[in-house]
Amino acid sequence: VLSTLMDQMPTADTTPQNTVPDESQPHQTAPELQIPNYMLNPGMDLPVRESDGRDYVGILEIPDLELELPILSEWSRSGAKIAPCRYSGTARGGDLVLLAHNYRKHFGPIRHLEPGDELSFEDMEGTVFDYQVTGAIVVEPTALDAVTSGAHDLTLITCTYGGRTRLVVFCDRLWS
């Protein structure tokens, strides 16, 4: 699935863009700044691509854990057995929440993430969102609403071993 999705993704950011004159140099002909539509409209949903009969919204890369994971567009019990899923939000709106099983090839290794570790999410149009881990907590399964409130730009959630509690990793966006 990952290689199929990677083949379908553009090599550069092809997000439709609006232009705004750059007024920082008023005495010269100002070049136009390119502003991606998702910045002008943060509520835009993530683009979806179908592969093997399932819809995906992007790829999560965690270099420190050597993980590159396709992300399903919606959470479901059956989907979570295949790949991590979007639980809510969007990278474009700064409130993306991803859930996955603690399988070794899914979110099991996120317990090793530490504050300062970096990861990225690339949507299906090739727009890359870079993040930095800011912290992690363990919560009861009934506390998911409290940790999915949008207080962080990216939240990763998985079961702890044994499945009685949930590990929640918080990440904030790095702006370049």
Protein backbone atom coordinates (compact mmCIF):
# COMPACT_ATOMS: atom_id res chain seq x y z
CA VAL A 1 0.00 0.00 0.00
CA LEU A 2 2.77 2.47 0.94
CA SER A 3 4.62 2.07 -2.35
CA THR A 4 1.37 2.47 -4.31
CA LEU A 5 0.55 5.67 -2.43
CA MET A 6 4.07 7.00 -2.86
CA ASP A 7 3.81 6.41 -6.61
CA GLN A 8 0.55 8.40 -6.70
CA MET A 9 1.91 11.41 -4.82
CA PRO A 10 3.22 14.44 -6.69
CA THR A 11 6.92 15.21 -6.46
CA ALA A 12 6.29 18.83 -5.52
CA ASP A 13 3.59 20.77 -3.72
CA THR A 14 0.78 21.11 -6.25
CA THR A 15 -1.71 22.66 -3.84
CA PRO A 16 -3.62 25.41 -5.67
CA GLN A 17 -2.25 28.74 -4.53
CA ASN A 18 -3.34 32.35 -4.37
CA THR A 19 -0.90 35.19 -4.91
CA VAL A 20 -0.44 38.32 -2.86
CA PRO A 21 1.95 41.17 -3.73
CA ASP A 22 5.06 41.30 -1.54
CA GLU A 23 4.93 44.82 -0.10
CA SER A 24 8.21 44.51 1.83
CA GLN A 25 9.98 46.27 -1.06
CA PRO A 26 7.67 49.16 -2.04
CA HIS A 27 10.03 50.90 -4.50
CA GLN A 28 10.56 47.88 -6.69
CA THR A 29 8.30 45.72 -8.76
CA ALA A 30 7.30 43.31 -6.03
CA PRO A 31 7.32 39.60 -6.73
CA GLU A 32 4.18 37.79 -5.78
CA LEU A 33 4.17 35.55 -2.70
CA GLN A 34 2.54 32.16 -3.10
CA ILE A 35 0.06 31.42 -0.32
CA PRO A 36 -1.33 27.90 -0.27
CA ASN A 37 -5.13 27.75 -0.19
CA TYR A 38 -5.05 25.65 2.98
CA MET A 39 -3.40 28.60 4.80
CA LEU A 40 -6.12 30.94 3.62
CA ASN A 41 -8.78 28.37 4.51
CA PRO A 42 -7.48 26.21 7.40
CA GLY A 43 -10.78 24.35 7.58
CA MET A 44 -10.08 22.66 4.22
CA ASP A 45 -10.22 18.92 4.58
CA LEU A 46 -7.28 16.77 3.57
CA PRO A 47 -7.31 15.38 0.04
CA VAL A 48 -8.02 11.64 -0.17
CA ARG A 49 -6.55 9.01 -2.48
CA GLU A 50 -7.90 5.50 -2.92
CA SER A 51 -5.56 2.51 -2.93
CA ASP A 52 -6.53 -1.15 -2.63
CA GLY A 53 -10.15 -0.16 -1.96
CA ARG A 54 -9.32 2.12 1.00
CA ASP A 55 -9.06 5.91 1.26
CA TYR A 56 -5.82 7.47 2.53
CA VAL A 57 -5.02 11.06 3.53
CA GLY A 58 -1.23 10.94 3.62
CA ILE A 59 1.95 9.44 4.96
CA LEU A 60 3.41 9.88 8.45
CA GLU A 61 7.18 9.68 8.66
CA ILE A 62 9.01 9.23 11.97
CA PRO A 63 12.73 9.09 11.08
CA ASP A 64 13.98 8.36 14.61
CA LEU A 65 11.84 5.20 14.65
CA GLU A 66 12.44 4.35 10.98
CA LEU A 67 8.68 4.40 10.38
CA GLU A 68 6.89 5.52 7.22
CA LEU A 69 3.17 4.85 7.56
CA PRO A 70 0.21 5.39 5.23
CA ILE A 71 -2.70 7.04 7.07
CA LEU A 72 -6.27 5.93 6.41
CA SER A 73 -8.79 8.75 6.06
CA GLU A 74 -11.15 7.50 8.78
CA TRP A 75 -10.81 5.44 11.92
CA SER A 76 -12.47 2.04 12.00
CA ARG A 77 -11.70 -1.19 13.84
CA SER A 78 -11.09 -3.04 10.58
CA GLY A 79 -9.01 -0.21 9.10
CA ALA A 80 -6.81 0.07 12.18
CA LYS A 81 -5.65 -3.50 11.60
CA ILE A 82 -4.25 -2.39 8.24
CA ALA A 83 -2.79 1.06 8.92
CA PRO A 84 -2.94 4.00 11.32
CA CYS A 85 -6.14 6.02 10.94
CA ARG A 86 -7.19 9.64 11.16
CA TYR A 87 -9.43 9.92 14.19
CA SER A 88 -10.24 13.60 13.75
CA GLY A 89 -8.95 16.90 12.47
CA THR A 90 -6.66 17.87 9.66
CA ALA A 91 -3.00 18.82 9.31
CA ARG A 92 -4.16 21.93 7.50
CA GLY A 93 -6.23 23.05 10.49
CA GLY A 94 -3.60 22.18 13.08
CA ASP A 95 -5.66 19.61 14.98
CA LEU A 96 -4.80 16.25 13.41
CA VAL A 97 -5.35 13.20 15.64
CA LEU A 98 -4.07 9.80 14.49
CA LEU A 99 -4.85 6.43 16.10
CA ALA A 100 -3.11 3.13 15.54
CA HIS A 101 -2.62 -0.22 17.17
CA ASN A 102 0.55 -0.75 19.13
CA TYR A 103 1.83 -3.18 16.49
CA ARG A 104 5.58 -3.01 15.93
CA LYS A 105 5.00 -1.69 12.38
CA HIS A 106 2.28 0.78 13.45
CA PHE A 107 2.44 2.93 16.62
CA GLY A 108 4.05 0.43 19.01
CA PRO A 109 7.45 2.19 18.79
CA ILE A 110 6.08 5.69 19.56
CA ARG A 111 6.70 4.98 23.26
CA HIS A 112 10.36 5.70 22.41
CA LEU A 113 9.68 9.23 21.16
CA GLU A 114 11.08 12.04 23.27
CA PRO A 115 10.48 15.80 23.36
CA GLY A 116 12.38 17.37 20.50
CA ASP A 117 12.08 14.39 18.14
CA GLU A 118 10.83 15.42 14.72
CA LEU A 119 8.30 13.82 12.39
CA SER A 120 6.37 14.82 9.30
CA PHE A 121 3.03 14.27 7.65
CA GLU A 122 2.74 14.55 3.86
CA ASP A 123 -0.76 14.91 2.48
CA MET A 124 -1.86 13.44 -0.83
CA GLU A 125 -1.12 16.67 -2.70
CA GLY A 126 2.51 16.62 -1.55
CA THR A 127 2.22 19.30 1.15
CA VAL A 128 4.55 18.44 4.03
CA PHE A 129 3.81 19.41 7.62
CA ASP A 130 6.78 19.12 10.02
CA TYR A 131 6.28 18.54 13.74
CA GLN A 132 8.25 18.23 16.94
CA VAL A 133 7.29 16.02 19.88
CA THR A 134 6.45 18.13 22.93
CA GLY A 135 5.43 15.43 25.39
CA ALA A 136 3.53 12.24 26.12
CA ILE A 137 1.05 11.01 28.70
CA VAL A 138 -0.81 7.81 29.53
CA VAL A 139 -4.58 8.11 29.94
CA GLU A 140 -7.59 5.90 30.51
CA PRO A 141 -9.45 4.87 27.34
CA THR A 142 -12.40 7.02 28.44
CA ALA A 143 -10.22 10.16 28.46
CA LEU A 144 -9.70 10.41 24.68
CA ASP A 145 -12.01 13.43 24.34
CA ALA A 146 -9.73 15.40 26.68
CA VAL A 147 -6.62 14.68 24.60
CA THR A 148 -8.21 15.25 21.18
CA SER A 149 -9.37 18.80 21.85
CA GLY A 150 -7.02 20.40 19.31
CA ALA A 151 -4.60 21.82 21.89
CA HIS A 152 -1.74 20.37 19.82
CA ASP A 153 -1.17 20.39 16.08
CA LEU A 154 -0.67 16.61 15.93
CA THR A 155 -1.66 13.94 18.44
CA LEU A 156 -0.69 10.26 18.13
CA ILE A 157 -2.62 7.68 20.17
CA THR A 158 -2.07 3.97 20.71
CA CYS A 159 -2.77 1.35 23.34
CA THR A 160 -0.16 0.61 25.95
CA TYR A 161 0.93 -3.01 26.15
CA GLY A 162 -1.91 -4.97 27.66
CA GLY A 163 -4.42 -2.48 26.25
CA ARG A 164 -5.72 -1.11 29.55
CA THR A 165 -4.55 2.47 28.96
CA ARG A 166 -3.63 4.71 26.02
CA LEU A 167 -0.31 6.36 25.21
CA VAL A 168 -0.80 9.86 23.81
CA VAL A 169 2.09 11.71 22.12
CA PHE A 170 1.67 15.45 21.53
CA CYS A 171 3.42 17.28 18.69
CA ASP A 172 3.50 20.90 17.63
CA ARG A 173 4.14 22.14 14.12
CA LEU A 174 7.53 23.46 13.11
CA TRP A 175 7.24 26.53 10.93
CA SER A 176 9.94 27.14 8.37
